Protein backbone atom coordinates (compact mmCIF):
# COMPACT_ATOMS: atom_id res chain seq x y z
CA MET A 1 49.26 30.12 25.78
CA ALA A 2 48.31 33.82 25.66
CA ASP A 3 46.94 33.91 22.09
CA GLU A 4 44.59 30.52 22.85
CA GLU A 5 41.51 31.30 22.71
CA PRO A 6 38.97 30.63 25.95
CA LEU A 7 36.96 27.51 25.69
CA LEU A 8 33.07 27.54 26.90
CA PRO A 9 31.59 24.93 28.87
CA PRO A 10 29.85 22.52 26.64
CA ALA A 11 26.74 22.53 28.41
CA GLU A 12 26.27 26.22 27.92
CA ASP A 13 27.13 26.59 24.17
CA ALA A 14 25.57 22.81 23.02
CA ALA A 15 22.22 22.49 21.85
CA PRO A 16 20.38 19.50 23.97
CA PRO A 17 20.23 16.20 22.46
CA PRO A 18 17.05 15.53 20.37
CA PRO A 19 14.62 13.36 21.98
CA PRO A 20 14.18 9.67 21.29
CA PRO A 21 12.06 8.94 18.21
CA THR A 22 8.34 8.07 19.38
CA PRO A 23 7.74 4.17 18.19
CA SER A 24 5.41 4.06 14.79
CA TRP A 25 3.12 1.65 17.02
CA ARG A 26 2.59 4.42 19.86
CA ILE A 27 2.01 6.85 17.04
CA GLY A 28 -0.38 4.43 15.36
CA ALA A 29 -2.01 3.46 18.45
CA ALA A 30 -2.42 7.77 19.35
CA PHE A 31 -3.47 9.21 16.39
CA TRP A 32 -6.17 5.78 16.08
CA ILE A 33 -7.72 6.92 19.14
CA LEU A 34 -7.66 10.48 18.88
CA GLY A 35 -9.26 10.24 15.81
CA LEU A 36 -12.06 7.83 16.97
CA CYS A 37 -12.53 10.02 20.36
CA ASN A 38 -12.42 13.13 18.25
CA ASN A 39 -15.72 11.56 15.46
CA LEU A 40 -17.56 9.67 17.66
CA PRO A 41 -19.84 12.16 19.61
CA TYR A 42 -20.38 13.65 15.63
CA VAL A 43 -21.69 9.99 14.36
CA VAL A 44 -23.51 9.41 17.87
CA MET A 45 -25.38 13.19 17.85
CA LEU A 46 -26.44 12.16 13.84
CA SER A 47 -27.78 8.94 15.16
CA ALA A 48 -29.74 10.01 18.00
CA ALA A 49 -31.24 13.35 15.90
CA ARG A 50 -34.87 11.32 16.36
CA ASP A 51 -34.47 10.93 19.87
CA LEU A 52 -33.06 14.48 20.88
CA LEU A 53 -36.03 16.02 19.23
CA ASP A 54 -39.00 13.57 20.81
CA PRO A 55 -41.26 16.29 22.57
CA ARG A 56 -39.99 16.88 26.08
CA PRO A 57 -42.81 17.23 28.68
CA GLY A 58 -44.56 20.54 28.59
CA GLU A 59 -43.15 21.06 24.51
CA GLU A 60 -45.55 21.12 21.31
CA PRO A 61 -46.69 17.25 20.62
CA ARG A 62 -46.09 15.15 18.05
CA ASN A 63 -47.86 15.40 14.86
CA ARG A 64 -49.11 11.50 14.88
CA THR A 65 -50.17 11.43 11.34
CA ARG A 66 -48.41 9.85 8.50
CA HIS A 67 -45.03 11.36 8.89
CA ASP A 68 -44.80 11.15 12.72
CA CYS A 69 -43.46 14.59 12.55
CA ASN A 70 -41.33 16.04 15.46
CA PRO A 71 -41.94 19.54 16.25
CA VAL A 72 -38.75 19.73 14.88
CA GLY A 73 -36.88 18.08 12.06
CA THR A 74 -33.19 16.42 12.36
CA GLY A 75 -31.87 18.82 9.91
CA ALA A 76 -31.56 21.50 12.58
CA VAL A 77 -29.25 18.61 14.66
CA LEU A 78 -27.48 18.40 11.24
CA LEU A 79 -26.81 22.18 11.10
CA ALA A 80 -25.49 22.49 15.22
CA ASP A 81 -23.14 19.30 14.47
CA VAL A 82 -21.55 20.89 11.05
CA VAL A 83 -21.56 24.53 11.16
CA PRO A 84 -19.85 25.80 14.80
CA GLY A 85 -17.23 23.33 13.57
CA LEU A 86 -17.01 24.58 10.19
CA GLY A 87 -16.83 28.34 11.65
CA VAL A 88 -14.04 27.12 13.86
CA LYS A 89 -11.75 25.55 10.49
CA LEU A 90 -12.48 28.78 9.21
CA LEU A 91 -10.86 30.93 12.45
CA MET A 92 -7.94 28.27 13.20
CA PRO A 93 -5.25 29.93 10.32
CA LEU A 94 -5.88 33.24 11.76
CA LEU A 95 -5.85 32.03 15.24
CA GLY A 96 -3.67 28.72 14.97
CA PRO A 97 -0.28 29.78 15.46
CA TYR A 98 -1.40 31.53 18.57
CA LEU A 99 -2.43 28.73 20.64
CA PRO A 100 -0.21 26.14 21.22
CA TYR A 101 -1.01 22.13 20.68
CA ARG A 102 -1.61 21.31 23.96
CA TYR A 103 -3.91 23.98 24.68
CA ARG A 104 -5.51 23.16 21.94
CA ALA A 105 -6.08 19.17 22.85
CA VAL A 106 -7.25 20.48 26.23
CA GLY A 107 -9.83 22.74 24.56
CA VAL A 108 -11.45 20.11 22.55
CA ALA A 109 -11.49 17.77 25.42
CA LEU A 110 -13.15 20.42 27.27
CA CYS A 111 -15.44 20.90 24.64
CA LEU A 112 -16.58 17.37 24.04
CA TRP A 113 -17.44 16.56 27.69
CA GLY A 114 -19.17 20.05 27.82
CA GLY A 115 -21.48 18.98 24.77
CA VAL A 116 -21.86 15.66 26.10
CA SER A 117 -22.70 17.02 29.44
CA ALA A 118 -25.26 18.93 28.26
CA VAL A 119 -26.77 16.87 25.57
CA ALA A 120 -27.42 14.21 28.54
CA SER A 121 -28.85 16.35 30.80
CA ALA A 122 -30.95 18.54 28.80
CA SER A 123 -34.55 18.84 29.39
CA GLY A 124 -35.59 20.31 25.96
CA SER A 125 -34.99 20.77 22.48
CA LEU A 126 -33.34 24.15 22.31
CA SER A 127 -30.93 22.87 25.22
CA SER A 128 -30.15 19.05 22.99
CA LEU A 129 -28.77 21.66 20.22
CA GLY A 130 -26.88 23.87 22.82
CA GLY A 131 -24.96 20.73 23.44
CA VAL A 132 -24.60 19.22 19.67
CA ALA A 133 -23.12 22.45 19.03
CA LEU A 134 -20.30 22.71 21.70
CA GLY A 135 -19.40 19.48 20.61
CA SER A 136 -19.20 20.92 17.38
CA VAL A 137 -16.82 23.23 17.97
CA GLY A 138 -15.10 20.59 19.89
CA ALA A 139 -14.27 18.47 16.86
CA GLY A 140 -13.82 21.16 14.48
CA LEU A 141 -11.33 22.23 16.80
CA GLY A 142 -10.04 18.31 16.77
CA GLU A 143 -9.74 17.73 13.56
CA VAL A 144 -7.94 20.98 12.73
CA THR A 145 -5.52 20.28 15.17
CA PHE A 146 -4.88 16.45 15.12
CA LEU A 147 -4.87 16.44 10.79
CA THR A 148 -2.22 18.91 11.21
CA LEU A 149 -0.38 17.49 13.70
CA ALA A 150 -0.48 14.15 11.96
CA ALA A 151 1.07 15.44 9.09
CA SER A 152 4.22 15.93 10.55
CA TYR A 153 4.98 12.00 11.38
CA SER A 154 4.69 11.34 7.76
CA SER A 155 1.89 8.59 6.63
CA THR A 156 1.80 6.51 10.15
CA GLY A 157 -0.07 10.01 11.41
CA LEU A 158 -2.08 10.51 8.89
CA SER A 159 -3.22 7.11 7.83
CA HIS A 160 -4.38 5.71 11.76
CA TRP A 161 -5.91 9.03 11.85
CA SER A 162 -8.03 8.54 9.11
CA ALA A 163 -8.79 4.75 10.70
CA GLY A 164 -9.89 6.10 13.81
CA THR A 165 -12.24 8.20 12.05
CA GLY A 166 -13.56 5.73 9.97
CA ALA A 167 -13.96 3.73 13.32
CA ALA A 168 -16.41 6.39 14.67
CA GLY A 169 -18.40 5.92 11.42
CA LEU A 170 -19.46 2.58 11.83
CA GLY A 171 -18.96 2.10 15.84
CA GLY A 172 -20.46 5.41 17.03
CA ALA A 173 -23.82 4.28 14.96
CA LEU A 174 -23.32 0.29 16.12
CA GLY A 175 -22.96 1.28 19.69
CA PHE A 176 -25.60 3.90 20.09
CA TRP A 177 -28.23 1.60 18.89
CA GLY A 178 -27.17 -1.09 20.83
CA LEU A 179 -27.06 0.87 23.96
CA ARG A 180 -30.18 2.99 23.02
CA ALA A 181 -32.12 -0.40 22.60
CA LEU A 182 -31.42 -0.87 26.21
CA LEU A 183 -31.50 2.51 28.04
CA PRO A 184 -32.80 5.94 27.78
CA LEU A 185 -31.49 8.53 25.87
CA PRO A 186 -29.74 10.23 29.02
CA GLN A 187 -27.93 7.01 29.93
CA SER A 188 -27.22 5.79 26.32
CA LEU A 189 -25.09 8.77 25.91
CA LEU A 190 -22.97 8.83 29.37
CA PRO A 191 -19.99 6.32 27.75
CA LEU A 192 -19.30 9.36 25.25
CA LEU A 193 -17.62 10.72 28.79
CA VAL A 194 -15.14 8.22 28.66
CA LEU A 195 -13.76 9.99 25.55
CA PRO A 196 -12.33 13.28 26.71
CA PRO A 197 -10.06 11.69 29.17
CA LEU A 198 -9.17 9.11 26.62
CA MET A 199 -8.37 11.63 24.30
CA LEU A 200 -6.00 13.65 26.56
CA ALA A 201 -3.92 10.56 27.58
CA SER A 202 -3.20 9.56 24.63
CA PHE A 203 -2.05 13.24 23.46
CA PHE A 204 0.03 13.68 26.77
CA PHE A 205 1.18 10.17 27.02
CA LEU A 206 0.98 7.59 24.17
CA LEU A 207 2.12 10.37 21.47
CA GLY A 208 5.72 11.71 21.70
CA PRO A 209 7.00 14.71 20.38
CA ALA A 210 6.67 15.89 16.65
CA PRO A 211 9.73 15.52 14.42
CA PRO A 212 11.13 18.74 13.45
CA PRO A 213 9.76 20.25 10.74
CA PRO A 214 11.78 19.44 7.33
CA PRO A 215 14.44 22.24 6.67
CA LEU A 216 12.95 25.43 3.75
CA PRO A 217 14.04 24.82 0.69
CA PRO A 218 16.71 28.10 -0.39
CA SER A 219 15.57 31.01 -1.70
CA PRO A 220 15.59 31.39 -6.12
CA GLY A 221 17.40 34.43 -5.25
CA MET A 222 20.82 33.14 -3.53
CA GLY A 223 22.59 31.91 -6.86
CA GLY A 224 23.23 35.31 -7.39
CA ALA A 225 21.91 37.94 -10.49
CA SER A 226 22.76 35.49 -13.14
CA GLU A 227 19.97 32.80 -11.79
CA ASP A 228 17.84 35.94 -10.35
CA SER A 229 17.03 37.25 -13.87
CA GLY A 230 15.36 33.78 -15.43
CA GLY A 231 14.73 31.93 -12.15
CA GLY A 232 13.05 34.54 -11.02
CA ALA A 233 9.94 34.22 -14.10
CA LYS A 234 10.53 30.45 -13.88
CA THR A 235 9.88 29.92 -10.06
CA ARG A 236 6.60 32.50 -10.77
CA GLY A 237 5.81 29.80 -13.58
CA ARG A 238 6.01 26.94 -11.46
CA GLY A 239 3.19 28.98 -8.67
CA GLN A 240 1.08 29.71 -11.60
CA GLU A 241 0.73 25.64 -13.21
CA GLN A 242 1.03 24.47 -9.62
CA THR A 243 -2.19 26.80 -8.69
CA GLY A 244 -3.60 25.88 -11.51
CA SER A 245 -3.48 22.51 -10.78
CA VAL A 246 -5.13 22.71 -7.27
CA ALA A 247 -8.27 24.62 -8.79
CA LYS A 248 -8.51 21.89 -11.43
CA ALA A 249 -8.06 18.90 -9.19
CA ALA A 250 -11.01 20.96 -6.50
CA LEU A 251 -13.25 21.19 -9.24
CA GLN A 252 -13.18 18.01 -10.59
CA GLN A 253 -13.10 16.28 -7.31
CA GLY A 254 -14.55 18.43 -4.64
CA ALA A 255 -17.59 19.53 -7.31
CA PRO A 256 -18.96 15.80 -7.36
CA LEU A 257 -18.46 14.63 -3.99
CA ALA A 258 -20.33 18.25 -2.72
CA ILE A 259 -23.36 16.95 -4.44
CA VAL A 260 -22.91 13.73 -3.12
CA TYR A 261 -22.64 15.08 0.29
CA PHE A 262 -25.54 17.02 -0.55
CA ALA A 263 -27.41 14.95 -1.16
CA GLU A 264 -26.91 11.93 1.34
CA TYR A 265 -27.23 14.65 3.97
CA PHE A 266 -30.22 15.43 2.91
CA VAL A 267 -31.45 11.94 2.79
CA ASN A 268 -30.13 11.24 6.13
CA GLN A 269 -31.24 14.72 8.38
CA GLY A 270 -33.74 15.46 5.78
CA LEU A 271 -36.04 12.65 4.61
CA MET A 272 -35.25 9.60 6.85
CA GLU A 273 -37.35 10.94 9.77
CA LEU A 274 -39.91 11.05 7.04
CA LEU A 275 -39.87 7.67 6.72
CA TYR A 276 -42.30 6.06 8.97
CA PHE A 277 -43.31 2.16 8.55
CA PRO A 278 -46.29 1.99 11.00
CA SER A 279 -46.53 -1.81 10.25
CA SER A 280 -42.79 -2.66 11.08
CA PRO A 281 -41.99 -3.58 14.88
CA LEU A 282 -39.71 -1.13 15.42
CA PRO A 283 -40.93 2.14 17.02
CA HIS A 284 -39.76 5.31 14.69
CA SER A 285 -37.22 6.61 16.31
CA ALA A 286 -35.44 2.81 16.59
CA GLN A 287 -36.41 2.96 12.61
CA TYR A 288 -34.42 6.16 12.17
CA ARG A 289 -31.60 4.39 14.14
CA THR A 290 -31.58 0.89 12.30
CA LEU A 291 -31.24 3.42 8.73
CA GLN A 292 -28.69 5.06 10.25
CA LEU A 293 -26.60 2.44 11.15
CA LEU A 294 -27.07 0.53 7.55
CA TYR A 295 -25.64 4.00 6.37
CA GLN A 296 -22.96 3.90 8.14
CA ALA A 297 -21.89 -0.16 7.23
CA GLY A 298 -22.40 0.89 3.61
CA VAL A 299 -19.88 3.83 3.80
CA PHE A 300 -17.58 1.62 6.20
CA VAL A 301 -17.92 -1.24 3.48
CA SER A 302 -16.87 1.41 0.23
CA ARG A 303 -14.03 2.87 2.18
CA SER A 304 -12.36 -0.35 2.84
CA SER A 305 -12.55 -1.51 -0.64
CA LEU A 306 -10.93 1.63 -2.25
CA ARG A 307 -8.13 -1.05 -3.31
CA CYS A 308 -10.61 -3.37 -5.24
CA LEU A 309 -12.75 -0.22 -7.12
CA ARG A 310 -10.61 2.59 -7.94
CA LEU A 311 -12.46 5.65 -9.89
CA ARG A 312 -10.73 8.02 -11.61
CA ARG A 313 -14.33 10.09 -12.25
CA ILE A 314 -16.78 10.09 -9.45
CA TRP A 315 -19.49 12.24 -11.32
CA GLY A 316 -21.34 8.91 -12.10
CA LEU A 317 -21.48 8.48 -7.76
CA ALA A 318 -22.86 11.74 -8.06
CA LEU A 319 -25.53 11.27 -10.30
CA ALA A 320 -26.80 8.12 -8.77
CA GLN A 321 -26.71 9.92 -5.13
CA ALA A 322 -28.64 12.23 -6.32
CA LEU A 323 -31.66 9.97 -8.33
CA LEU A 324 -31.81 7.73 -4.94
CA ALA A 325 -32.23 11.55 -3.28
CA LEU A 326 -35.33 12.07 -5.64
CA PHE A 327 -36.39 8.90 -5.04
CA LEU A 328 -36.81 9.07 -1.51
CA LEU A 329 -37.84 12.60 -1.82
CA ALA A 330 -40.90 11.18 -3.68
CA ALA A 331 -41.81 8.00 -1.52
CA VAL A 332 -41.75 10.69 1.37
CA ALA A 333 -44.26 12.39 -0.91
CA VAL A 334 -46.19 9.34 -2.69
CA ASN A 335 -47.97 7.28 0.44
CA HIS A 336 -46.60 3.46 -0.19
CA LEU A 337 -44.45 4.24 -3.09
CA LEU A 338 -41.68 2.71 0.12
CA PRO A 339 -44.07 0.11 1.78
CA TRP A 340 -41.33 -1.57 3.70
CA LEU A 341 -38.49 -0.99 5.76
CA GLY A 342 -36.09 -3.60 4.58
CA LEU A 343 -36.34 -1.97 1.15
CA ALA A 344 -35.56 1.47 3.09
CA ALA A 345 -32.51 0.02 4.41
CA ALA A 346 -31.28 -1.49 1.28
CA LEU A 347 -31.29 2.07 0.08
CA ALA A 348 -29.93 3.29 3.07
CA ALA A 349 -26.82 1.30 2.79
CA GLY A 350 -26.37 2.08 -0.64
CA GLU A 351 -26.29 5.37 -0.41
CA GLY A 352 -23.48 4.81 2.34
CA LEU A 353 -21.62 2.82 -0.15
CA LEU A 354 -22.10 5.57 -2.77
CA GLY A 355 -20.96 8.01 -0.05
CA GLY A 356 -18.51 6.33 0.92
CA GLY A 357 -16.88 5.46 -2.45
CA ALA A 358 -16.89 9.37 -3.62
CA TYR A 359 -15.28 10.03 -0.56
CA GLY A 360 -12.16 8.14 -1.06
CA ASN A 361 -11.77 8.47 -4.94
CA ALA A 362 -11.76 11.80 -4.79
CA PHE A 363 -8.88 12.10 -2.49
CA GLY A 364 -6.90 9.86 -3.63
CA ASN A 365 -7.60 11.20 -7.79
CA VAL A 366 -6.67 14.74 -5.39
CA GLY A 367 -3.55 12.91 -4.15
CA GLU A 368 -2.57 11.98 -8.12
CA GLN A 369 -3.42 15.21 -9.68
CA VAL A 370 -1.85 17.75 -7.48
CA PRO A 371 1.95 18.35 -6.59
CA LEU A 372 2.84 16.70 -3.03
CA PRO A 373 3.58 20.43 -1.37
CA GLN A 374 0.00 21.71 -2.56
CA GLN A 375 -2.02 18.78 -1.52
CA PRO A 376 -2.32 19.88 1.58
CA LEU A 377 -4.78 22.90 0.03
CA ALA A 378 -6.31 21.31 -2.46
CA VAL A 379 -7.53 18.43 0.63
CA ALA A 380 -8.79 21.66 2.22
CA VAL A 381 -10.70 22.96 -0.60
CA VAL A 382 -12.43 19.90 -1.30
CA THR A 383 -13.28 19.51 2.31
CA LEU A 384 -14.37 22.96 3.05
CA MET A 385 -16.43 22.33 0.10
CA ALA A 386 -18.16 19.52 0.91
CA GLU A 387 -18.84 20.50 4.08
CA VAL A 388 -21.09 23.26 2.92
CA ALA A 389 -22.52 21.44 0.97
CA ILE A 390 -23.51 19.61 4.22
CA ALA A 391 -24.75 22.25 5.52
CA ALA A 392 -26.87 23.00 2.83
CA ALA A 393 -28.22 20.03 2.98
CA GLY A 394 -29.24 20.72 6.83
CA GLY A 395 -31.19 23.78 5.74
CA VAL A 396 -32.90 21.82 3.14
CA GLY A 397 -33.64 19.06 5.17
CA LEU A 398 -35.96 21.22 7.59
CA GLY A 399 -37.41 23.17 4.74
CA ALA A 400 -38.69 19.56 3.61
CA HIS A 401 -40.04 18.95 7.69
CA ALA A 402 -41.85 21.96 7.38
CA ALA A 403 -43.11 21.89 3.87
CA PHE A 404 -43.84 17.82 4.06
CA CYS A 405 -45.05 18.48 8.25
CA GLY A 406 -46.90 21.61 7.44
CA GLN A 407 -49.32 19.82 5.32
CA GLU A 408 -50.75 17.68 8.21
C-alpha cells in the first residue's frame, strides 16, 4: 500500500468539459444578422450621399445650372465611407491579437451607433462626413472581426455572413428610398439605430462559442535527420509554389476586379449626382436615390445567379464596366446625350449586374486556383486591391465634380 501513488482529485486534474455545439441554425442566423447590421449603414450612407450634402442654412448655395451641383461632391461621402475602414483593416493584423472578440464587437456597435447619431443630428456637410467616417471605422472593424470569426464555423458562418451583407445592399438602398420618400433626412436615418443593439444581441446571445482551432500539422523536422535533409527543401519548394499561386490568382482576379470597382464607384459617387433630368417629376436627390437603388438591384440579381453564369475570366466584365463609365462621363459632358431618366436607370441596373458578376466570379475563381490554406491570404489581397480602387474612385469623383461644376 505504501508504493501506491496518491490519487489527485478529478476536479483539479481534469479539464472542464467542452461546451455543447451550437445548432447550425443559430450560427447561420447570427452571422446573417451580423453581416446585415455591419453593412447596412455603409449602403445607406452612399444612397443618401446627395441628401447629406444638400446645402444647410448658412452654407454655400447649390449651383442651379445644368448639373444642379451641390457645393461638395458625393465622392467625399465615398471617401469618408471607405478610407477610415480601410485604415482599420490595415492596422488590425498588428492590433488584433490584443483585442478579444467581445471587445471588438462592442467597439463596432458603438462606432455604428455614434456614426448614425452624428449624421442624423448633423448641422452641416462637414459634421455629416465626420459621422460617416466614424461609421466606416465600425464597419471596417466589424468586417475584419466577424469575417475572421465566421471562418471558425466552417462554411455555415461564411455563407450566412455573405448572404447578410448581400441583403444589406438591396435592403439598405430600398429601405432608405422608401423612408426618404415619406420622411425628412434625419428621421429617415433613425431606424438604423436599432442595428447596434441587434448586432450585440446576435453576437452575445445567439452565436455560441467558436469551435477550437484544428491542431497544427507536425513540423517538417520532427521526423529526424533523414527527413530534415530532403524534407526542408521540399517544404521550401512547396511554399514557393503556394506563394506563386497566391500572387498569380491575385493578379488574374484582383486586377480586373479593381478596374470594375473603380469604374462603378466613379459612376455611382462621381457621375450619378451630375446626371440631372429637369423634365422628370422626381427632384434631383430622388433621382440619385433611384439610380442607386437600381444599381443595388442589379448587384443583387447578379450575385444571386452565379450558379447559372460562371466565368473563369472577368476581363470582359472589366472592359464593359469601363466603357459604361466612359459613356456616362460623355453624357455628363455633352448635353442631351442621355435625355431620359429611364435610360439612365437601365444603365445603372446594368452597371450593378456587371459589378456583382465580377465580384462573385473573382472570388469563386480564387477558391479554385489557390490551395485551401492560402485562400484567406489570396482573398485578403484581392479585397485590398478592390478597396484601394474604390478609394481612388472617390478622389477622381471629387475631381469630376470640381471640373464640371466649376465650369458653370
